[in-house]
Amino acid sequence: DNGFSGEYGGFTRLTTLNAGTAYAQGWELSYQQQFTSLPGFLKGLGATMNFTALEAHGDFGTTGILQTRDVEGFVPRSGNASVFWRYRGFTSRVIVNHTGEYITEYVAGSPGRNRYLFSRTVLNVGVGYQWRPAVTFSVDVNNLTNAPQSAYRGIPEHMQFKLYGGATITAGVNGRF
């Protein structure tokens, strides 16, 4: 019985509900600099950085109060830093991405079953060349150091998995006509 005396088989029922009350607050710091005062080909050098720190609390539609550590998918700390260079059609970049520890599965009443991802820092690099105004070639390597993604249940000593996804190399040609 689908709640409609068996009628409307094959239909999808959608609904909405009030998800409770929650608060998220924090800081994001960001900096970007193009070093145009450097001589010659070095004037194409630049850097960017950002860092985010967040906290959360509320009932999120549940019966109790949840804190930052208990909110599924909420990443309280993250940051990026990159150094890039552009000169006469050539580009290059080195990007470091950090994601802090966060929960991916919350089991109410069983904190030992909660699943968390450990913090992870990934290094990405890329180069490119703009051959003509409408044609660009690029090669990017993501996760150059093969940083693993690791998870645990309840406490860090209860490792659930450690996944080495490897580096990914992407080459491309971008054309605008």
C-alpha atoms as a PDB file:
ATOM      1  CA  ASP A   1       0.000   0.000   0.000  1.00  0.00           C
ATOM      2  CA  ASN A   2       1.482   3.322  -1.054  1.00  0.00           C
ATOM      3  CA  GLY A   3      -0.871   5.366   1.168  1.00  0.00           C
ATOM      4  CA  PHE A   4      -3.300   6.006  -1.712  1.00  0.00           C
ATOM      5  CA  SER A   5      -5.069   2.596  -1.759  1.00  0.00           C
ATOM      6  CA  GLY A   6      -2.593   1.331  -4.346  1.00  0.00           C
ATOM      7  CA  GLU A   7      -3.522   4.003  -6.879  1.00  0.00           C
ATOM      8  CA  TYR A   8      -0.955   6.236  -8.599  1.00  0.00           C
ATOM      9  CA  GLY A   9       1.625   3.456  -8.954  1.00  0.00           C
ATOM     10  CA  GLY A  10       4.879   4.622 -10.547  1.00  0.00           C
ATOM     11  CA  PHE A  11       4.427   8.232  -9.457  1.00  0.00           C
ATOM     12  CA  THR A  12       6.957  10.007  -7.255  1.00  0.00           C
ATOM     13  CA  ARG A  13       5.646  11.846  -4.215  1.00  0.00           C
ATOM     14  CA  LEU A  14       7.528  14.982  -3.181  1.00  0.00           C
ATOM     15  CA  THR A  15       7.041  16.831   0.090  1.00  0.00           C
ATOM     16  CA  THR A  16       8.576  19.624   2.108  1.00  0.00           C
ATOM     17  CA  LEU A  17       9.035  20.039   5.821  1.00  0.00           C
ATOM     18  CA  ASN A  18      10.483  22.467   8.304  1.00  0.00           C
ATOM     19  CA  ALA A  19      14.055  21.373   9.012  1.00  0.00           C
ATOM     20  CA  GLY A  20      14.253  23.106  12.386  1.00  0.00           C
ATOM     21  CA  THR A  21      16.539  25.891  13.479  1.00  0.00           C
ATOM     22  CA  ALA A  22      20.259  26.148  12.916  1.00  0.00           C
ATOM     23  CA  TYR A  23      22.974  28.769  12.989  1.00  0.00           C
ATOM     24  CA  ALA A  24      26.206  28.824  11.007  1.00  0.00           C
ATOM     25  CA  GLN A  25      28.705  31.588  11.586  1.00  0.00           C
ATOM     26  CA  GLY A  26      32.363  32.158  11.051  1.00  0.00           C
ATOM     27  CA  TRP A  27      35.072  33.924   9.114  1.00  0.00           C
ATOM     28  CA  GLU A  28      36.547  33.822   5.666  1.00  0.00           C
ATOM     29  CA  LEU A  29      39.866  35.485   5.024  1.00  0.00           C
ATOM     30  CA  SER A  30      41.059  35.993   1.473  1.00  0.00           C
ATOM     31  CA  TYR A  31      44.085  37.593  -0.162  1.00  0.00           C
ATOM     32  CA  GLN A  32      45.063  38.012  -3.806  1.00  0.00           C
ATOM     33  CA  GLN A  33      48.173  39.717  -5.199  1.00  0.00           C
ATOM     34  CA  GLN A  34      49.532  40.172  -8.709  1.00  0.00           C
ATOM     35  CA  PHE A  35      53.221  41.073  -8.443  1.00  0.00           C
ATOM     36  CA  THR A  36      53.272  43.553 -11.335  1.00  0.00           C
ATOM     37  CA  SER A  37      56.169  45.521  -9.843  1.00  0.00           C
ATOM     38  CA  LEU A  38      58.606  42.641 -10.484  1.00  0.00           C
ATOM     39  CA  PRO A  39      60.914  42.958 -13.516  1.00  0.00           C
ATOM     40  CA  GLY A  40      60.484  41.218 -16.898  1.00  0.00           C
ATOM     41  CA  PHE A  41      58.766  37.877 -17.052  1.00  0.00           C
ATOM     42  CA  LEU A  42      58.424  37.800 -13.234  1.00  0.00           C
ATOM     43  CA  LYS A  43      55.724  40.492 -13.368  1.00  0.00           C
ATOM     44  CA  GLY A  44      53.282  37.738 -14.330  1.00  0.00           C
ATOM     45  CA  LEU A  45      53.712  36.130 -10.911  1.00  0.00           C
ATOM     46  CA  GLY A  46      50.815  36.173  -8.458  1.00  0.00           C
ATOM     47  CA  ALA A  47      49.391  34.474  -5.391  1.00  0.00           C
ATOM     48  CA  THR A  48      46.012  33.858  -3.798  1.00  0.00           C
ATOM     49  CA  MET A  49      45.077  32.496  -0.389  1.00  0.00           C
ATOM     50  CA  ASN A  50      41.860  31.940   1.518  1.00  0.00           C
ATOM     51  CA  PHE A  51      40.864  30.330   4.794  1.00  0.00           C
ATOM     52  CA  THR A  52      37.389  29.628   6.165  1.00  0.00           C
ATOM     53  CA  ALA A  53      36.521  28.855   9.800  1.00  0.00           C
ATOM     54  CA  LEU A  54      32.882  28.099  10.626  1.00  0.00           C
ATOM     55  CA  GLU A  55      30.855  26.923  13.607  1.00  0.00           C
ATOM     56  CA  ALA A  56      27.286  25.599  13.657  1.00  0.00           C
ATOM     57  CA  HIS A  57      24.661  24.759  16.256  1.00  0.00           C
ATOM     58  CA  GLY A  58      20.935  24.156  16.358  1.00  0.00           C
ATOM     59  CA  ASP A  59      18.316  21.418  16.326  1.00  0.00           C
ATOM     60  CA  PHE A  60      18.410  20.912  12.506  1.00  0.00           C
ATOM     61  CA  GLY A  61      14.925  19.371  12.757  1.00  0.00           C
ATOM     62  CA  THR A  62      16.024  16.736  15.300  1.00  0.00           C
ATOM     63  CA  THR A  63      15.040  16.346  18.952  1.00  0.00           C
ATOM     64  CA  GLY A  64      18.382  17.510  20.383  1.00  0.00           C
ATOM     65  CA  ILE A  65      20.917  20.246  19.858  1.00  0.00           C
ATOM     66  CA  LEU A  66      23.691  19.482  17.385  1.00  0.00           C
ATOM     67  CA  GLN A  67      27.079  21.198  17.381  1.00  0.00           C
ATOM     68  CA  THR A  68      29.598  21.710  14.552  1.00  0.00           C
ATOM     69  CA  ARG A  69      31.097  18.239  14.972  1.00  0.00           C
ATOM     70  CA  ASP A  70      27.653  16.581  14.609  1.00  0.00           C
ATOM     71  CA  VAL A  71      26.312  18.273  11.445  1.00  0.00           C
ATOM     72  CA  GLU A  72      26.679  15.943   8.457  1.00  0.00           C
ATOM     73  CA  GLY A  73      28.620  17.403   5.544  1.00  0.00           C
ATOM     74  CA  PHE A  74      29.456  20.639   7.391  1.00  0.00           C
ATOM     75  CA  VAL A  75      33.155  21.418   6.835  1.00  0.00           C
ATOM     76  CA  PRO A  76      34.286  23.747   9.646  1.00  0.00           C
ATOM     77  CA  ARG A  77      37.816  24.466   8.359  1.00  0.00           C
ATOM     78  CA  SER A  78      39.104  24.791   4.810  1.00  0.00           C
ATOM     79  CA  GLY A  79      41.709  26.739   2.927  1.00  0.00           C
ATOM     80  CA  ASN A  80      43.472  27.178  -0.393  1.00  0.00           C
ATOM     81  CA  ALA A  81      46.741  28.729  -1.475  1.00  0.00           C
ATOM     82  CA  SER A  82      48.017  29.121  -5.002  1.00  0.00           C
ATOM     83  CA  VAL A  83      50.925  30.610  -6.863  1.00  0.00           C
ATOM     84  CA  PHE A  84      50.415  31.362 -10.543  1.00  0.00           C
ATOM     85  CA  TRP A  85      52.390  32.832 -13.410  1.00  0.00           C
ATOM     86  CA  ARG A  86      51.261  34.305 -16.738  1.00  0.00           C
ATOM     87  CA  TYR A  87      53.608  35.505 -19.448  1.00  0.00           C
ATOM     88  CA  ARG A  88      53.207  35.819 -23.224  1.00  0.00           C
ATOM     89  CA  GLY A  89      50.543  33.145 -23.556  1.00  0.00           C
ATOM     90  CA  PHE A  90      52.097  30.770 -21.006  1.00  0.00           C
ATOM     91  CA  THR A  91      50.387  30.034 -17.695  1.00  0.00           C
ATOM     92  CA  SER A  92      51.290  27.838 -14.749  1.00  0.00           C
ATOM     93  CA  ARG A  93      49.805  27.288 -11.322  1.00  0.00           C
ATOM     94  CA  VAL A  94      50.435  25.385  -8.118  1.00  0.00           C
ATOM     95  CA  ILE A  95      47.412  25.005  -5.853  1.00  0.00           C
ATOM     96  CA  VAL A  96      47.280  23.578  -2.333  1.00  0.00           C
ATOM     97  CA  ASN A  97      43.810  22.735  -0.987  1.00  0.00           C
ATOM     98  CA  HIS A  98      43.174  21.811   2.648  1.00  0.00           C
ATOM     99  CA  THR A  99      39.900  20.431   3.984  1.00  0.00           C
ATOM    100  CA  GLY A 100      39.628  19.978   7.743  1.00  0.00           C
ATOM    101  CA  GLU A 101      38.112  16.979   9.504  1.00  0.00           C
ATOM    102  CA  TYR A 102      34.322  16.723   9.257  1.00  0.00           C
ATOM    103  CA  ILE A 103      31.435  14.315   9.816  1.00  0.00           C
ATOM    104  CA  THR A 104      29.804  12.489   6.895  1.00  0.00           C
ATOM    105  CA  GLU A 105      27.392  10.249   8.810  1.00  0.00           C
ATOM    106  CA  TYR A 106      25.674  11.125  12.107  1.00  0.00           C
ATOM    107  CA  VAL A 107      24.006   8.295  14.047  1.00  0.00           C
ATOM    108  CA  ALA A 108      21.847   9.773  16.833  1.00  0.00           C
ATOM    109  CA  GLY A 109      22.401   8.007  20.138  1.00  0.00           C
ATOM    110  CA  SER A 110      25.418   6.030  18.858  1.00  0.00           C
ATOM    111  CA  PRO A 111      28.403   8.377  18.664  1.00  0.00           C
ATOM    112  CA  GLY A 112      30.708   5.391  18.108  1.00  0.00           C
ATOM    113  CA  ARG A 113      28.997   4.852  14.737  1.00  0.00           C
ATOM    114  CA  ASN A 114      29.451   8.435  13.504  1.00  0.00           C
ATOM    115  CA  ARG A 115      31.728   8.562  10.469  1.00  0.00           C
ATOM    116  CA  TYR A 116      34.285  11.340  10.039  1.00  0.00           C
ATOM    117  CA  LEU A 117      36.702  12.139   7.255  1.00  0.00           C
ATOM    118  CA  PHE A 118      40.205  13.024   8.410  1.00  0.00           C
ATOM    119  CA  SER A 119      41.621  16.339   7.274  1.00  0.00           C
ATOM    120  CA  ARG A 120      43.293  16.221   3.864  1.00  0.00           C
ATOM    121  CA  THR A 121      45.699  18.411   1.931  1.00  0.00           C
ATOM    122  CA  VAL A 122      45.877  18.039  -1.849  1.00  0.00           C
ATOM    123  CA  LEU A 123      48.463  19.490  -4.252  1.00  0.00           C
ATOM    124  CA  ASN A 124      47.425  20.349  -7.830  1.00  0.00           C
ATOM    125  CA  VAL A 125      49.617  21.747 -10.614  1.00  0.00           C
ATOM    126  CA  GLY A 126      48.917  22.892 -14.137  1.00  0.00           C
ATOM    127  CA  VAL A 127      50.412  24.539 -17.193  1.00  0.00           C
ATOM    128  CA  GLY A 128      48.836  26.074 -20.246  1.00  0.00           C
ATOM    129  CA  TYR A 129      49.612  27.905 -23.444  1.00  0.00           C
ATOM    130  CA  GLN A 130      47.361  30.224 -25.411  1.00  0.00           C
ATOM    131  CA  TRP A 131      48.396  29.544 -29.005  1.00  0.00           C
ATOM    132  CA  ARG A 132      45.958  31.956 -30.596  1.00  0.00           C
ATOM    133  CA  PRO A 133      43.280  34.143 -29.028  1.00  0.00           C
ATOM    134  CA  ALA A 134      40.777  31.347 -29.576  1.00  0.00           C
ATOM    135  CA  VAL A 135      42.931  28.235 -28.898  1.00  0.00           C
ATOM    136  CA  THR A 136      44.453  27.220 -25.548  1.00  0.00           C
ATOM    137  CA  PHE A 137      46.294  24.011 -24.604  1.00  0.00           C
ATOM    138  CA  SER A 138      46.475  22.828 -21.000  1.00  0.00           C
ATOM    139  CA  VAL A 139      47.746  19.994 -18.802  1.00  0.00           C
ATOM    140  CA  ASP A 140      46.660  19.650 -15.166  1.00  0.00           C
ATOM    141  CA  VAL A 141      47.715  17.139 -12.510  1.00  0.00           C
ATOM    142  CA  ASN A 142      45.315  16.850  -9.572  1.00  0.00           C
ATOM    143  CA  ASN A 143      46.365  15.228  -6.295  1.00  0.00           C
ATOM    144  CA  LEU A 144      49.999  15.181  -7.368  1.00  0.00           C
ATOM    145  CA  THR A 145      51.174  13.645  -4.064  1.00  0.00           C
ATOM    146  CA  ASN A 146      48.413  10.983  -4.003  1.00  0.00           C
ATOM    147  CA  ALA A 147      47.051  12.274  -0.668  1.00  0.00           C
ATOM    148  CA  PRO A 148      44.692   9.604   0.688  1.00  0.00           C
ATOM    149  CA  GLN A 149      41.124  10.159   1.841  1.00  0.00           C
ATOM    150  CA  SER A 150      40.676   8.483   5.236  1.00  0.00           C
ATOM    151  CA  ALA A 151      37.636   7.949   7.437  1.00  0.00           C
ATOM    152  CA  TYR A 152      37.028   6.686  10.956  1.00  0.00           C
ATOM    153  CA  ARG A 153      34.071   5.721  13.134  1.00  0.00           C
ATOM    154  CA  GLY A 154      33.598   7.435  16.490  1.00  0.00           C
ATOM    155  CA  ILE A 155      37.238   7.981  17.452  1.00  0.00           C
ATOM    156  CA  PRO A 156      40.296   8.406  15.198  1.00  0.00           C
ATOM    157  CA  GLU A 157      41.729   5.047  16.294  1.00  0.00           C
ATOM    158  CA  HIS A 158      38.750   3.242  14.685  1.00  0.00           C
ATOM    159  CA  MET A 159      39.845   3.638  11.066  1.00  0.00           C
ATOM    160  CA  GLN A 160      37.160   2.683   8.567  1.00  0.00           C
ATOM    161  CA  PHE A 161      39.061   3.153   5.309  1.00  0.00           C
ATOM    162  CA  LYS A 162      42.025   4.805   3.655  1.00  0.00           C
ATOM    163  CA  LEU A 163      41.574   5.395  -0.067  1.00  0.00           C
ATOM    164  CA  TYR A 164      44.462   6.238  -2.373  1.00  0.00           C
ATOM    165  CA  GLY A 165      42.762   7.592  -5.481  1.00  0.00           C
ATOM    166  CA  GLY A 166      45.990   8.421  -7.286  1.00  0.00           C
ATOM    167  CA  ALA A 167      46.893  11.467  -9.300  1.00  0.00           C
ATOM    168  CA  THR A 168      44.689  12.502 -12.206  1.00  0.00           C
ATOM    169  CA  ILE A 169      46.221  13.982 -15.350  1.00  0.00           C
ATOM    170  CA  THR A 170      43.969  15.997 -17.616  1.00  0.00           C
ATOM    171  CA  ALA A 171      45.063  17.411 -20.960  1.00  0.00           C
ATOM    172  CA  GLY A 172      42.864  19.614 -23.039  1.00  0.00           C
ATOM    173  CA  VAL A 173      42.407  21.938 -25.960  1.00  0.00           C
ATOM    174  CA  ASN A 174      39.967  24.786 -25.558  1.00  0.00           C
ATOM    175  CA  GLY A 175      38.702  26.496 -28.655  1.00  0.00           C
ATOM    176  CA  ARG A 176      36.375  29.474 -29.028  1.00  0.00           C
ATOM    177  CA  PHE A 177      35.019  30.027 -32.489  1.00  0.00           C
END
